[in-house]
């Protein structure tokens, strides 16, 4: 039998983090969601939802 997949840990996001991500996403050259997600340790969809 295989084990059930482990759940991802929940990350608590502060308003300051979200503002930083939005400002950083508007920089030139524009970073990708993948780059931001790897930098901050959250999912690409999370970054996309916030931005």
C-alpha atoms as a PDB file:
ATOM      1  CA  UNK A   1       0.000   0.000   0.000  1.00  0.00           C
ATOM      2  CA  UNK A   2       1.153   3.484  -0.736  1.00  0.00           C
ATOM      3  CA  UNK A   3       0.937   6.324   1.723  1.00  0.00           C
ATOM      4  CA  UNK A   4      -1.486   9.190   1.063  1.00  0.00           C
ATOM      5  CA  UNK A   5       0.178  12.293  -0.333  1.00  0.00           C
ATOM      6  CA  UNK A   6       1.413  14.706   2.302  1.00  0.00           C
ATOM      7  CA  UNK A   7      -0.320  18.048   2.523  1.00  0.00           C
ATOM      8  CA  UNK A   8       1.591  21.214   1.828  1.00  0.00           C
ATOM      9  CA  UNK A   9       2.305  23.366   4.842  1.00  0.00           C
ATOM     10  CA  UNK A  10       0.174  26.462   5.132  1.00  0.00           C
ATOM     11  CA  UNK A  11       2.064  29.731   4.831  1.00  0.00           C
ATOM     12  CA  UNK A  12       0.742  32.764   6.678  1.00  0.00           C
ATOM     13  CA  UNK A  13       1.159  35.804   4.443  1.00  0.00           C
ATOM     14  CA  UNK A  14       1.459  39.303   5.814  1.00  0.00           C
ATOM     15  CA  UNK A  15       0.264  42.424   4.058  1.00  0.00           C
ATOM     16  CA  UNK A  16       3.891  43.561   3.827  1.00  0.00           C
ATOM     17  CA  UNK A  17       4.814  40.355   1.960  1.00  0.00           C
ATOM     18  CA  UNK A  18       1.959  40.829  -0.483  1.00  0.00           C
ATOM     19  CA  UNK A  19       2.876  44.466  -1.145  1.00  0.00           C
ATOM     20  CA  UNK A  20       6.497  43.471  -1.714  1.00  0.00           C
ATOM     21  CA  UNK A  21       5.457  40.780  -4.225  1.00  0.00           C
ATOM     22  CA  UNK A  22       3.219  43.190  -6.111  1.00  0.00           C
ATOM     23  CA  UNK A  23       5.939  45.849  -6.313  1.00  0.00           C
ATOM     24  CA  UNK A  24       8.538  43.267  -7.320  1.00  0.00           C
ATOM     25  CA  UNK A  25       6.259  41.859 -10.031  1.00  0.00           C
ATOM     26  CA  UNK A  26       6.043  45.345 -11.585  1.00  0.00           C
ATOM     27  CA  UNK A  27       9.823  45.774 -11.820  1.00  0.00           C
ATOM     28  CA  UNK A  28      11.710  45.678 -15.092  1.00  0.00           C
ATOM     29  CA  UNK A  29      12.721  43.164 -16.272  1.00  0.00           C
ATOM     30  CA  UNK A  30       9.504  41.569 -15.094  1.00  0.00           C
ATOM     31  CA  UNK A  31      10.134  38.425 -13.008  1.00  0.00           C
ATOM     32  CA  UNK A  32       8.057  35.330 -13.689  1.00  0.00           C
ATOM     33  CA  UNK A  33       5.662  33.882 -11.131  1.00  0.00           C
ATOM     34  CA  UNK A  34       7.961  30.857 -10.994  1.00  0.00           C
ATOM     35  CA  UNK A  35      10.932  33.017 -10.022  1.00  0.00           C
ATOM     36  CA  UNK A  36       8.929  34.788  -7.304  1.00  0.00           C
ATOM     37  CA  UNK A  37       7.449  31.547  -5.976  1.00  0.00           C
ATOM     38  CA  UNK A  38      10.890  29.957  -5.652  1.00  0.00           C
ATOM     39  CA  UNK A  39      12.288  33.077  -3.997  1.00  0.00           C
ATOM     40  CA  UNK A  40       9.530  33.278  -1.355  1.00  0.00           C
ATOM     41  CA  UNK A  41       8.696  29.576  -0.959  1.00  0.00           C
ATOM     42  CA  UNK A  42       5.049  29.712  -2.021  1.00  0.00           C
ATOM     43  CA  UNK A  43       3.172  28.333  -5.007  1.00  0.00           C
ATOM     44  CA  UNK A  44       2.981  29.992  -8.416  1.00  0.00           C
ATOM     45  CA  UNK A  45      -0.798  30.193  -8.163  1.00  0.00           C
ATOM     46  CA  UNK A  46      -0.513  31.981  -4.818  1.00  0.00           C
ATOM     47  CA  UNK A  47       1.714  34.621  -6.393  1.00  0.00           C
ATOM     48  CA  UNK A  48      -0.652  34.893  -9.349  1.00  0.00           C
ATOM     49  CA  UNK A  49      -3.687  35.330  -7.121  1.00  0.00           C
ATOM     50  CA  UNK A  50      -2.030  38.090  -5.126  1.00  0.00           C
ATOM     51  CA  UNK A  51      -0.622  39.972  -8.095  1.00  0.00           C
END
